[in-house]
């Protein structure tokens, strides 16, 4: 199965802090489902990287787009 990488940038530090828990819950759910290979924040705390496992680009894009942090402002 192909892998797709998404870079997420922090947009609004206050909003990002409010969304962090539901963002991590979303990612952990998809790790358990096998849709995410790896995830993690950048060392400078400017955002993070997610590696999706998906059958195609559209599926990976949908997974990224449904992330609560993305819905509220970050772009995959």
C-alpha atoms as a PDB file:
ATOM      1  CA  UNK A   1       0.000   0.000   0.000  1.00  0.00           C
ATOM      2  CA  UNK A   2       1.361   3.475  -0.849  1.00  0.00           C
ATOM      3  CA  UNK A   3       2.388   6.033   1.759  1.00  0.00           C
ATOM      4  CA  UNK A   4       1.476   9.737   1.643  1.00  0.00           C
ATOM      5  CA  UNK A   5       3.044  12.495   3.730  1.00  0.00           C
ATOM      6  CA  UNK A   6       1.232  15.525   5.125  1.00  0.00           C
ATOM      7  CA  UNK A   7       2.965  18.495   6.735  1.00  0.00           C
ATOM      8  CA  UNK A   8       0.796  20.487   9.137  1.00  0.00           C
ATOM      9  CA  UNK A   9       1.779  23.993  10.192  1.00  0.00           C
ATOM     10  CA  UNK A  10       0.584  25.744  13.304  1.00  0.00           C
ATOM     11  CA  UNK A  11      -1.765  28.537  12.304  1.00  0.00           C
ATOM     12  CA  UNK A  12      -2.979  30.037  15.570  1.00  0.00           C
ATOM     13  CA  UNK A  13      -1.139  28.962  18.741  1.00  0.00           C
ATOM     14  CA  UNK A  14      -4.213  29.446  20.962  1.00  0.00           C
ATOM     15  CA  UNK A  15      -6.544  27.504  18.647  1.00  0.00           C
ATOM     16  CA  UNK A  16      -3.882  24.837  18.052  1.00  0.00           C
ATOM     17  CA  UNK A  17      -3.604  24.302  21.816  1.00  0.00           C
ATOM     18  CA  UNK A  18      -7.400  23.978  22.103  1.00  0.00           C
ATOM     19  CA  UNK A  19      -7.475  21.368  19.300  1.00  0.00           C
ATOM     20  CA  UNK A  20      -4.411  19.359  20.334  1.00  0.00           C
ATOM     21  CA  UNK A  21      -6.216  16.661  22.323  1.00  0.00           C
ATOM     22  CA  UNK A  22      -8.895  15.934  19.686  1.00  0.00           C
ATOM     23  CA  UNK A  23      -6.241  16.094  16.942  1.00  0.00           C
ATOM     24  CA  UNK A  24      -4.127  13.476  18.756  1.00  0.00           C
ATOM     25  CA  UNK A  25      -7.226  11.336  19.451  1.00  0.00           C
ATOM     26  CA  UNK A  26      -8.066  11.434  15.720  1.00  0.00           C
ATOM     27  CA  UNK A  27      -4.529  10.424  14.767  1.00  0.00           C
ATOM     28  CA  UNK A  28      -4.369   7.637  17.357  1.00  0.00           C
ATOM     29  CA  UNK A  29      -7.702   6.244  16.138  1.00  0.00           C
ATOM     30  CA  UNK A  30      -6.319   6.060  12.610  1.00  0.00           C
ATOM     31  CA  UNK A  31      -3.074   4.480  13.813  1.00  0.00           C
ATOM     32  CA  UNK A  32      -5.187   1.713  15.392  1.00  0.00           C
ATOM     33  CA  UNK A  33      -7.114   1.328  12.113  1.00  0.00           C
ATOM     34  CA  UNK A  34      -3.854   1.055  10.168  1.00  0.00           C
ATOM     35  CA  UNK A  35      -4.378   4.284   8.210  1.00  0.00           C
ATOM     36  CA  UNK A  36      -1.377   6.105   9.691  1.00  0.00           C
ATOM     37  CA  UNK A  37       2.146   4.760   9.614  1.00  0.00           C
ATOM     38  CA  UNK A  38       3.808   7.472  11.729  1.00  0.00           C
ATOM     39  CA  UNK A  39       3.167  10.918  13.195  1.00  0.00           C
ATOM     40  CA  UNK A  40       4.978  13.499  15.244  1.00  0.00           C
ATOM     41  CA  UNK A  41       5.608  17.153  15.950  1.00  0.00           C
ATOM     42  CA  UNK A  42       8.529  19.121  14.556  1.00  0.00           C
ATOM     43  CA  UNK A  43      11.269  19.801  17.088  1.00  0.00           C
ATOM     44  CA  UNK A  44      10.744  23.555  16.781  1.00  0.00           C
ATOM     45  CA  UNK A  45       6.990  23.113  17.509  1.00  0.00           C
ATOM     46  CA  UNK A  46       6.019  24.804  14.240  1.00  0.00           C
ATOM     47  CA  UNK A  47       3.776  21.909  13.224  1.00  0.00           C
ATOM     48  CA  UNK A  48       4.081  18.221  12.490  1.00  0.00           C
ATOM     49  CA  UNK A  49       4.286  15.437   9.954  1.00  0.00           C
ATOM     50  CA  UNK A  50       1.905  12.534   9.349  1.00  0.00           C
ATOM     51  CA  UNK A  51       2.563   9.540   7.106  1.00  0.00           C
ATOM     52  CA  UNK A  52      -0.701   8.023   5.867  1.00  0.00           C
ATOM     53  CA  UNK A  53      -1.117   4.513   4.463  1.00  0.00           C
ATOM     54  CA  UNK A  54      -3.837   4.649   1.826  1.00  0.00           C
ATOM     55  CA  UNK A  55      -4.777   3.010  -1.447  1.00  0.00           C
ATOM     56  CA  UNK A  56      -4.582   6.305  -3.342  1.00  0.00           C
ATOM     57  CA  UNK A  57      -4.059  10.048  -3.054  1.00  0.00           C
ATOM     58  CA  UNK A  58      -7.769  10.857  -2.708  1.00  0.00           C
ATOM     59  CA  UNK A  59      -8.144   8.508   0.256  1.00  0.00           C
ATOM     60  CA  UNK A  60      -5.076   9.966   1.971  1.00  0.00           C
ATOM     61  CA  UNK A  61      -6.282  13.510   1.286  1.00  0.00           C
ATOM     62  CA  UNK A  62      -9.674  12.673   2.792  1.00  0.00           C
ATOM     63  CA  UNK A  63      -8.023  11.297   5.938  1.00  0.00           C
ATOM     64  CA  UNK A  64      -5.920  14.448   6.266  1.00  0.00           C
ATOM     65  CA  UNK A  65      -8.870  16.753   5.545  1.00  0.00           C
ATOM     66  CA  UNK A  66     -11.017  15.147   8.248  1.00  0.00           C
ATOM     67  CA  UNK A  67      -8.415  15.812  10.952  1.00  0.00           C
ATOM     68  CA  UNK A  68      -9.920  18.328  13.422  1.00  0.00           C
ATOM     69  CA  UNK A  69      -6.755  20.452  13.261  1.00  0.00           C
ATOM     70  CA  UNK A  70      -7.012  20.645   9.477  1.00  0.00           C
ATOM     71  CA  UNK A  71     -10.728  21.463   9.562  1.00  0.00           C
ATOM     72  CA  UNK A  72      -9.922  24.408  11.826  1.00  0.00           C
ATOM     73  CA  UNK A  73      -7.211  25.975   9.722  1.00  0.00           C
ATOM     74  CA  UNK A  74      -4.111  23.901   8.959  1.00  0.00           C
ATOM     75  CA  UNK A  75      -3.705  22.732   5.387  1.00  0.00           C
ATOM     76  CA  UNK A  76      -2.610  19.163   4.528  1.00  0.00           C
END
